[in-house]
C-alpha atoms as a PDB file:
ATOM      1  CA  MET A   1     -49.465 -24.293 -89.170  1.00  0.00           C
ATOM      2  CA  GLY A   2     -48.578 -26.414 -92.347  1.00  0.00           C
ATOM      3  CA  ILE A   3     -46.288 -28.937 -92.537  1.00  0.00           C
ATOM      4  CA  CYS A   4     -42.851 -28.629 -90.838  1.00  0.00           C
ATOM      5  CA  ASN A   5     -39.997 -29.601 -92.847  1.00  0.00           C
ATOM      6  CA  LEU A   6     -36.244 -28.391 -93.046  1.00  0.00           C
ATOM      7  CA  SER A   7     -37.438 -25.559 -95.430  1.00  0.00           C
ATOM      8  CA  SER A   8     -39.148 -24.015 -91.882  1.00  0.00           C
ATOM      9  CA  ILE A   9     -35.137 -23.697 -90.647  1.00  0.00           C
ATOM     10  CA  SER A  10     -33.700 -20.526 -91.986  1.00  0.00           C
ATOM     11  CA  VAL A  11     -29.693 -19.278 -91.439  1.00  0.00           C
ATOM     12  CA  GLU A  12     -29.283 -15.881 -91.414  1.00  0.00           C
ATOM     13  CA  GLN A  13     -25.508 -14.429 -91.577  1.00  0.00           C
ATOM     14  CA  ARG A  14     -24.762 -10.666 -91.431  1.00  0.00           C
ATOM     15  CA  THR A  15     -21.435  -9.096 -91.164  1.00  0.00           C
ATOM     16  CA  LEU A  16     -20.589  -7.143 -87.607  1.00  0.00           C
ATOM     17  CA  GLY A  17     -18.229  -4.995 -89.032  1.00  0.00           C
ATOM     18  CA  ARG A  18     -15.807  -6.021 -87.167  1.00  0.00           C
ATOM     19  CA  VAL A  19     -12.072  -7.443 -87.080  1.00  0.00           C
ATOM     20  CA  VAL A  20     -10.790 -10.413 -84.652  1.00  0.00           C
ATOM     21  CA  ASN A  21      -7.493 -11.551 -85.463  1.00  0.00           C
ATOM     22  CA  GLY A  22      -7.384  -9.890 -88.683  1.00  0.00           C
ATOM     23  CA  LYS A  23     -10.746 -11.691 -90.202  1.00  0.00           C
ATOM     24  CA  ALA A  24     -13.709 -10.267 -90.943  1.00  0.00           C
ATOM     25  CA  GLU A  25     -16.641 -10.909 -87.642  1.00  0.00           C
ATOM     26  CA  TYR A  26     -19.911 -12.481 -88.761  1.00  0.00           C
ATOM     27  CA  GLU A  27     -23.413 -13.353 -86.865  1.00  0.00           C
ATOM     28  CA  VAL A  28     -25.306 -16.404 -87.600  1.00  0.00           C
ATOM     29  CA  VAL A  29     -28.950 -16.914 -86.698  1.00  0.00           C
ATOM     30  CA  VAL A  30     -30.769 -19.842 -87.040  1.00  0.00           C
ATOM     31  CA  LEU A  31     -34.608 -19.376 -86.919  1.00  0.00           C
ATOM     32  CA  ASN A  32     -37.480 -22.726 -87.044  1.00  0.00           C
ATOM     33  CA  SER A  33     -40.394 -21.015 -88.263  1.00  0.00           C
ATOM     34  CA  CYS A  34     -42.318 -24.277 -87.468  1.00  0.00           C
ATOM     35  CA  ILE A  35     -44.322 -24.663 -84.266  1.00  0.00           C
ATOM     36  CA  CYS A  36     -42.864 -28.012 -84.024  1.00  0.00           C
ATOM     37  CA  SER A  37     -39.329 -28.109 -82.573  1.00  0.00           C
ATOM     38  CA  GLN A  38     -36.642 -29.652 -84.539  1.00  0.00           C
ATOM     39  CA  SER A  39     -33.754 -31.446 -83.405  1.00  0.00           C
ATOM     40  CA  SER A  40     -30.188 -33.185 -84.331  1.00  0.00           C
ATOM     41  CA  LEU A  41     -30.240 -30.163 -86.921  1.00  0.00           C
ATOM     42  CA  LEU A  42     -27.053 -30.879 -89.395  1.00  0.00           C
ATOM     43  CA  LEU A  43     -25.812 -27.612 -91.531  1.00  0.00           C
ATOM     44  CA  SER A  44     -23.700 -28.029 -94.465  1.00  0.00           C
ATOM     45  CA  CYS A  45     -20.229 -26.299 -93.205  1.00  0.00           C
ATOM     46  CA  ARG A  46     -17.808 -26.874 -95.727  1.00  0.00           C
ATOM     47  CA  GLY A  47     -14.861 -24.896 -95.089  1.00  0.00           C
ATOM     48  CA  PHE A  48     -16.169 -23.325 -92.016  1.00  0.00           C
ATOM     49  CA  ASN A  49     -13.517 -22.188 -89.743  1.00  0.00           C
ATOM     50  CA  THR A  50     -12.520 -19.793 -87.618  1.00  0.00           C
ATOM     51  CA  VAL A  51     -10.046 -17.551 -85.700  1.00  0.00           C
ATOM     52  CA  GLU A  52     -13.209 -16.580 -82.687  1.00  0.00           C
ATOM     53  CA  PRO A  53     -13.866 -19.287 -80.324  1.00  0.00           C
ATOM     54  CA  VAL A  54     -17.667 -20.574 -81.153  1.00  0.00           C
ATOM     55  CA  ASP A  55     -19.007 -22.767 -77.935  1.00  0.00           C
ATOM     56  CA  PRO A  56     -19.261 -26.440 -79.015  1.00  0.00           C
ATOM     57  CA  GLN A  57     -22.871 -26.222 -77.446  1.00  0.00           C
ATOM     58  CA  VAL A  58     -24.255 -23.708 -79.889  1.00  0.00           C
ATOM     59  CA  PHE A  59     -22.406 -24.838 -83.061  1.00  0.00           C
ATOM     60  CA  GLY A  60     -19.779 -27.457 -84.132  1.00  0.00           C
ATOM     61  CA  LYS A  61     -18.404 -29.657 -86.428  1.00  0.00           C
ATOM     62  CA  VAL A  62     -19.914 -33.395 -86.178  1.00  0.00           C
ATOM     63  CA  ASP A  63     -16.964 -35.978 -85.022  1.00  0.00           C
ATOM     64  CA  GLY A  64     -15.723 -37.437 -88.495  1.00  0.00           C
ATOM     65  CA  GLU A  65     -17.140 -35.144 -91.033  1.00  0.00           C
ATOM     66  CA  GLU A  66     -15.348 -32.113 -92.429  1.00  0.00           C
ATOM     67  CA  ASP A  67     -18.584 -30.764 -94.078  1.00  0.00           C
ATOM     68  CA  GLU A  68     -21.356 -31.038 -91.436  1.00  0.00           C
ATOM     69  CA  CYS A  69     -21.923 -28.564 -88.147  1.00  0.00           C
ATOM     70  CA  VAL A  70     -24.740 -29.343 -85.575  1.00  0.00           C
ATOM     71  CA  VAL A  71     -26.724 -26.885 -84.303  1.00  0.00           C
ATOM     72  CA  ASN A  72     -27.498 -26.519 -80.693  1.00  0.00           C
ATOM     73  CA  ASN A  73     -25.426 -29.897 -80.123  1.00  0.00           C
ATOM     74  CA  TYR A  74     -28.379 -32.027 -81.116  1.00  0.00           C
ATOM     75  CA  ALA A  75     -30.890 -30.633 -78.646  1.00  0.00           C
ATOM     76  CA  PRO A  76     -34.354 -28.765 -80.354  1.00  0.00           C
ATOM     77  CA  VAL A  77     -34.634 -25.705 -82.010  1.00  0.00           C
ATOM     78  CA  PHE A  78     -37.757 -24.203 -81.218  1.00  0.00           C
ATOM     79  CA  GLN A  79     -40.481 -21.688 -82.882  1.00  0.00           C
ATOM     80  CA  GLY A  80     -39.171 -18.433 -81.128  1.00  0.00           C
ATOM     81  CA  ASN A  81     -35.769 -19.316 -79.630  1.00  0.00           C
ATOM     82  CA  PRO A  82     -32.966 -18.613 -82.387  1.00  0.00           C
ATOM     83  CA  VAL A  83     -29.531 -19.862 -81.715  1.00  0.00           C
ATOM     84  CA  ALA A  84     -27.388 -17.666 -82.156  1.00  0.00           C
ATOM     85  CA  PHE A  85     -23.253 -17.695 -82.824  1.00  0.00           C
ATOM     86  CA  ARG A  86     -20.184 -15.305 -84.256  1.00  0.00           C
ATOM     87  CA  TYR A  87     -16.798 -16.435 -86.018  1.00  0.00           C
ATOM     88  CA  ALA A  88     -14.731 -14.951 -87.773  1.00  0.00           C
ATOM     89  CA  TRP A  89     -12.781 -15.554 -90.951  1.00  0.00           C
ATOM     90  CA  ASP A  90     -11.090 -14.938 -94.524  1.00  0.00           C
ATOM     91  CA  ARG A  91     -14.929 -14.818 -95.737  1.00  0.00           C
ATOM     92  CA  LYS A  92     -18.347 -16.092 -95.186  1.00  0.00           C
ATOM     93  CA  ILE A  93     -19.055 -19.294 -95.149  1.00  0.00           C
ATOM     94  CA  GLU A  94     -21.716 -20.692 -96.730  1.00  0.00           C
ATOM     95  CA  LEU A  95     -24.152 -23.185 -94.260  1.00  0.00           C
ATOM     96  CA  ARG A  96     -27.762 -24.802 -95.406  1.00  0.00           C
ATOM     97  CA  PRO A  97     -29.770 -27.529 -93.472  1.00  0.00           C
ATOM     98  CA  LEU A  98     -29.020 -30.450 -94.330  1.00  0.00           C
ATOM     99  CA  SER A  99     -31.616 -33.066 -91.673  1.00  0.00           C
ATOM    100  CA  SER A 100     -33.303 -32.569 -89.000  1.00  0.00           C
ATOM    101  CA  VAL A 101     -35.480 -34.398 -86.697  1.00  0.00           C
ATOM    102  CA  ILE A 102     -38.881 -33.081 -86.412  1.00  0.00           C
ATOM    103  CA  SER A 103     -41.206 -33.283 -83.202  1.00  0.00           C
ATOM    104  CA  CYS A 104     -44.610 -32.441 -82.770  1.00  0.00           C
ATOM    105  CA  SER A 105     -46.661 -32.705 -79.780  1.00  0.00           C
END
């Protein structure tokens, strides 16, 4: 199993080849490769914006923070159950893990 840490979280993005309101559409998939769940997962999201609605239960900016976004509304992200969403903007935004709470039972 190995030791779980923040590097067990990967963020994959791909261009979908669609245009939404004149902006390129991207799909983001957040994966946890660790057997332990990771909750309160925050990503850096400097410059994140979208013309395509994103469910705030899936991904959204942290209140009062311009550069931090929360995944899955602070709920656990489990191995084998990726969290995915789409956004549309002028360019792909760099999203990288900042912090999480690891829970093993």
